[in-house]
Amino acid sequence: MGTAAFEYYQANRERFLEGLKSLLRIPSVSTLPEHKSDVRRAAEFIARELTEMGMQRVEIIQGKPAEAGRPGQHPLVYAEWLGAPGKPTLLLYGHYDVQPPDPLDEWVS
């Protein structure tokens, strides 16, 4: 890692960790309908973080609604920063939902 990037990380480590903990406290269990609003709240949290990072365009895109016995799709978060014309594109993809904690005795990590 470059020296400047590592120094920035070191100087902000606790802030980064607290932000991650705040996100992880949201029970965004996407497989349980009773947590639908929590999944939305997690998407909004991530969108705010991306906006604060300086992303030029941040959007929460709602998935398809529920229909004929099929559950609705959860929102996705899209962000872009176009501040480096002519440079390669970097795509990050991940998920922000979590697994239900039960059964606790089956967790090994």
C-alpha atoms as a PDB file:
ATOM      1  CA  MET A   1       0.000   0.000   0.000  1.00  0.00           C
ATOM      2  CA  GLY A   2       1.313   3.473  -0.813  1.00  0.00           C
ATOM      3  CA  THR A   3       2.683   5.446   2.108  1.00  0.00           C
ATOM      4  CA  ALA A   4       0.100   8.245   1.868  1.00  0.00           C
ATOM      5  CA  ALA A   5      -2.783   5.766   1.682  1.00  0.00           C
ATOM      6  CA  PHE A   6      -1.459   3.792   4.648  1.00  0.00           C
ATOM      7  CA  GLU A   7      -0.942   6.947   6.704  1.00  0.00           C
ATOM      8  CA  TYR A   8      -4.501   8.054   5.917  1.00  0.00           C
ATOM      9  CA  TYR A   9      -5.795   4.653   6.992  1.00  0.00           C
ATOM     10  CA  GLN A  10      -3.775   4.758  10.231  1.00  0.00           C
ATOM     11  CA  ALA A  11      -5.011   8.256  11.048  1.00  0.00           C
ATOM     12  CA  ASN A  12      -8.651   7.309  10.413  1.00  0.00           C
ATOM     13  CA  ARG A  13      -8.706   3.672  11.510  1.00  0.00           C
ATOM     14  CA  GLU A  14     -10.992   4.170  14.517  1.00  0.00           C
ATOM     15  CA  ARG A  15     -13.447   6.260  12.497  1.00  0.00           C
ATOM     16  CA  PHE A  16     -13.540   3.579   9.781  1.00  0.00           C
ATOM     17  CA  LEU A  17     -14.073   0.860  12.375  1.00  0.00           C
ATOM     18  CA  GLU A  18     -16.908   2.759  14.074  1.00  0.00           C
ATOM     19  CA  GLY A  19     -18.599   3.276  10.699  1.00  0.00           C
ATOM     20  CA  LEU A  20     -18.355  -0.432   9.946  1.00  0.00           C
ATOM     21  CA  LYS A  21     -19.754  -1.314  13.366  1.00  0.00           C
ATOM     22  CA  SER A  22     -22.670   1.076  12.797  1.00  0.00           C
ATOM     23  CA  LEU A  23     -23.489  -0.648   9.515  1.00  0.00           C
ATOM     24  CA  LEU A  24     -23.199  -4.109  11.064  1.00  0.00           C
ATOM     25  CA  ARG A  25     -25.619  -3.148  13.848  1.00  0.00           C
ATOM     26  CA  ILE A  26     -28.398  -2.808  11.262  1.00  0.00           C
ATOM     27  CA  PRO A  27     -30.170  -6.198  11.162  1.00  0.00           C
ATOM     28  CA  SER A  28     -30.419  -6.229   7.365  1.00  0.00           C
ATOM     29  CA  VAL A  29     -31.413  -9.896   7.081  1.00  0.00           C
ATOM     30  CA  SER A  30     -32.640  -9.985   3.494  1.00  0.00           C
ATOM     31  CA  THR A  31     -34.177 -13.455   3.791  1.00  0.00           C
ATOM     32  CA  LEU A  32     -36.625 -12.407   6.524  1.00  0.00           C
ATOM     33  CA  PRO A  33     -39.570 -10.217   5.425  1.00  0.00           C
ATOM     34  CA  GLU A  34     -39.764  -8.561   8.853  1.00  0.00           C
ATOM     35  CA  HIS A  35     -36.345  -6.978   8.159  1.00  0.00           C
ATOM     36  CA  LYS A  36     -37.286  -5.397   4.829  1.00  0.00           C
ATOM     37  CA  SER A  37     -37.113  -1.884   6.314  1.00  0.00           C
ATOM     38  CA  ASP A  38     -33.727  -2.707   7.879  1.00  0.00           C
ATOM     39  CA  VAL A  39     -32.354  -3.713   4.479  1.00  0.00           C
ATOM     40  CA  ARG A  40     -33.545  -0.343   3.137  1.00  0.00           C
ATOM     41  CA  ARG A  41     -31.946   1.400   6.138  1.00  0.00           C
ATOM     42  CA  ALA A  42     -28.624  -0.325   5.400  1.00  0.00           C
ATOM     43  CA  ALA A  43     -28.818   0.835   1.768  1.00  0.00           C
ATOM     44  CA  GLU A  44     -29.467   4.399   2.953  1.00  0.00           C
ATOM     45  CA  PHE A  45     -26.519   4.177   5.371  1.00  0.00           C
ATOM     46  CA  ILE A  46     -24.192   3.109   2.552  1.00  0.00           C
ATOM     47  CA  ALA A  47     -25.533   5.815   0.238  1.00  0.00           C
ATOM     48  CA  ARG A  48     -24.819   8.466   2.902  1.00  0.00           C
ATOM     49  CA  GLU A  49     -21.290   7.151   3.397  1.00  0.00           C
ATOM     50  CA  LEU A  50     -20.614   7.222  -0.350  1.00  0.00           C
ATOM     51  CA  THR A  51     -21.947  10.778  -0.569  1.00  0.00           C
ATOM     52  CA  GLU A  52     -19.714  11.856   2.329  1.00  0.00           C
ATOM     53  CA  MET A  53     -16.744  10.241   0.533  1.00  0.00           C
ATOM     54  CA  GLY A  54     -17.320  12.582  -2.376  1.00  0.00           C
ATOM     55  CA  MET A  55     -19.033  10.348  -4.906  1.00  0.00           C
ATOM     56  CA  GLN A  56     -20.607  12.604  -7.524  1.00  0.00           C
ATOM     57  CA  ARG A  57     -23.667  10.464  -8.127  1.00  0.00           C
ATOM     58  CA  VAL A  58     -25.224   8.216  -5.505  1.00  0.00           C
ATOM     59  CA  GLU A  59     -28.474   6.428  -6.143  1.00  0.00           C
ATOM     60  CA  ILE A  60     -30.591   3.853  -4.349  1.00  0.00           C
ATOM     61  CA  ILE A  61     -32.317   1.785  -7.010  1.00  0.00           C
ATOM     62  CA  GLN A  62     -35.343  -0.129  -5.821  1.00  0.00           C
ATOM     63  CA  GLY A  63     -35.667  -3.690  -7.115  1.00  0.00           C
ATOM     64  CA  LYS A  64     -38.805  -5.205  -8.584  1.00  0.00           C
ATOM     65  CA  PRO A  65     -41.865  -5.224  -6.311  1.00  0.00           C
ATOM     66  CA  ALA A  66     -43.387  -8.424  -4.953  1.00  0.00           C
ATOM     67  CA  GLU A  67     -45.767 -10.235  -7.274  1.00  0.00           C
ATOM     68  CA  ALA A  68     -47.704 -13.520  -7.408  1.00  0.00           C
ATOM     69  CA  GLY A  69     -46.083 -15.155  -4.407  1.00  0.00           C
ATOM     70  CA  ARG A  70     -42.583 -13.902  -5.240  1.00  0.00           C
ATOM     71  CA  PRO A  71     -40.893 -11.583  -2.765  1.00  0.00           C
ATOM     72  CA  GLY A  72     -39.845  -8.139  -3.878  1.00  0.00           C
ATOM     73  CA  GLN A  73     -36.219  -7.432  -4.645  1.00  0.00           C
ATOM     74  CA  HIS A  74     -34.130  -5.377  -2.274  1.00  0.00           C
ATOM     75  CA  PRO A  75     -32.568  -2.060  -3.276  1.00  0.00           C
ATOM     76  CA  LEU A  76     -29.120  -1.734  -4.723  1.00  0.00           C
ATOM     77  CA  VAL A  77     -26.771   1.172  -4.154  1.00  0.00           C
ATOM     78  CA  TYR A  78     -25.043   2.728  -7.145  1.00  0.00           C
ATOM     79  CA  ALA A  79     -22.349   5.387  -6.976  1.00  0.00           C
ATOM     80  CA  GLU A  80     -19.893   6.896  -9.388  1.00  0.00           C
ATOM     81  CA  TRP A  81     -17.002   9.309  -9.346  1.00  0.00           C
ATOM     82  CA  LEU A  82     -15.803  10.601 -12.683  1.00  0.00           C
ATOM     83  CA  GLY A  83     -12.876  12.663 -11.451  1.00  0.00           C
ATOM     84  CA  ALA A  84     -10.127  10.893 -13.395  1.00  0.00           C
ATOM     85  CA  PRO A  85     -10.883  11.117 -17.133  1.00  0.00           C
ATOM     86  CA  GLY A  86      -8.865   8.722 -19.257  1.00  0.00           C
ATOM     87  CA  LYS A  87      -8.077   6.423 -16.343  1.00  0.00           C
ATOM     88  CA  PRO A  88      -9.293   2.811 -16.119  1.00  0.00           C
ATOM     89  CA  THR A  89     -12.689   2.037 -14.623  1.00  0.00           C
ATOM     90  CA  LEU A  90     -12.797   0.431 -11.199  1.00  0.00           C
ATOM     91  CA  LEU A  91     -15.904  -1.571 -10.324  1.00  0.00           C
ATOM     92  CA  LEU A  92     -16.643  -2.671  -6.773  1.00  0.00           C
ATOM     93  CA  TYR A  93     -19.433  -5.149  -6.132  1.00  0.00           C
ATOM     94  CA  GLY A  94     -20.577  -6.498  -2.816  1.00  0.00           C
ATOM     95  CA  HIS A  95     -23.567  -7.155  -0.614  1.00  0.00           C
ATOM     96  CA  TYR A  96     -24.753  -5.349   2.471  1.00  0.00           C
ATOM     97  CA  ASP A  97     -27.243  -7.821   3.894  1.00  0.00           C
ATOM     98  CA  VAL A  98     -26.438 -10.104   6.791  1.00  0.00           C
ATOM     99  CA  GLN A  99     -27.330 -13.611   7.916  1.00  0.00           C
ATOM    100  CA  PRO A 100     -29.694 -14.266  10.819  1.00  0.00           C
ATOM    101  CA  PRO A 101     -27.762 -15.064  14.015  1.00  0.00           C
ATOM    102  CA  ASP A 102     -29.701 -18.237  14.824  1.00  0.00           C
ATOM    103  CA  PRO A 103     -28.820 -21.003  15.370  1.00  0.00           C
ATOM    104  CA  LEU A 104     -25.917 -19.561  17.350  1.00  0.00           C
ATOM    105  CA  ASP A 105     -24.334 -22.947  18.048  1.00  0.00           C
ATOM    106  CA  GLU A 106     -23.638 -23.420  14.332  1.00  0.00           C
ATOM    107  CA  TRP A 107     -21.467 -20.297  14.021  1.00  0.00           C
ATOM    108  CA  VAL A 108     -17.736 -20.998  14.053  1.00  0.00           C
ATOM    109  CA  SER A 109     -16.411 -17.493  13.423  1.00  0.00           C
END
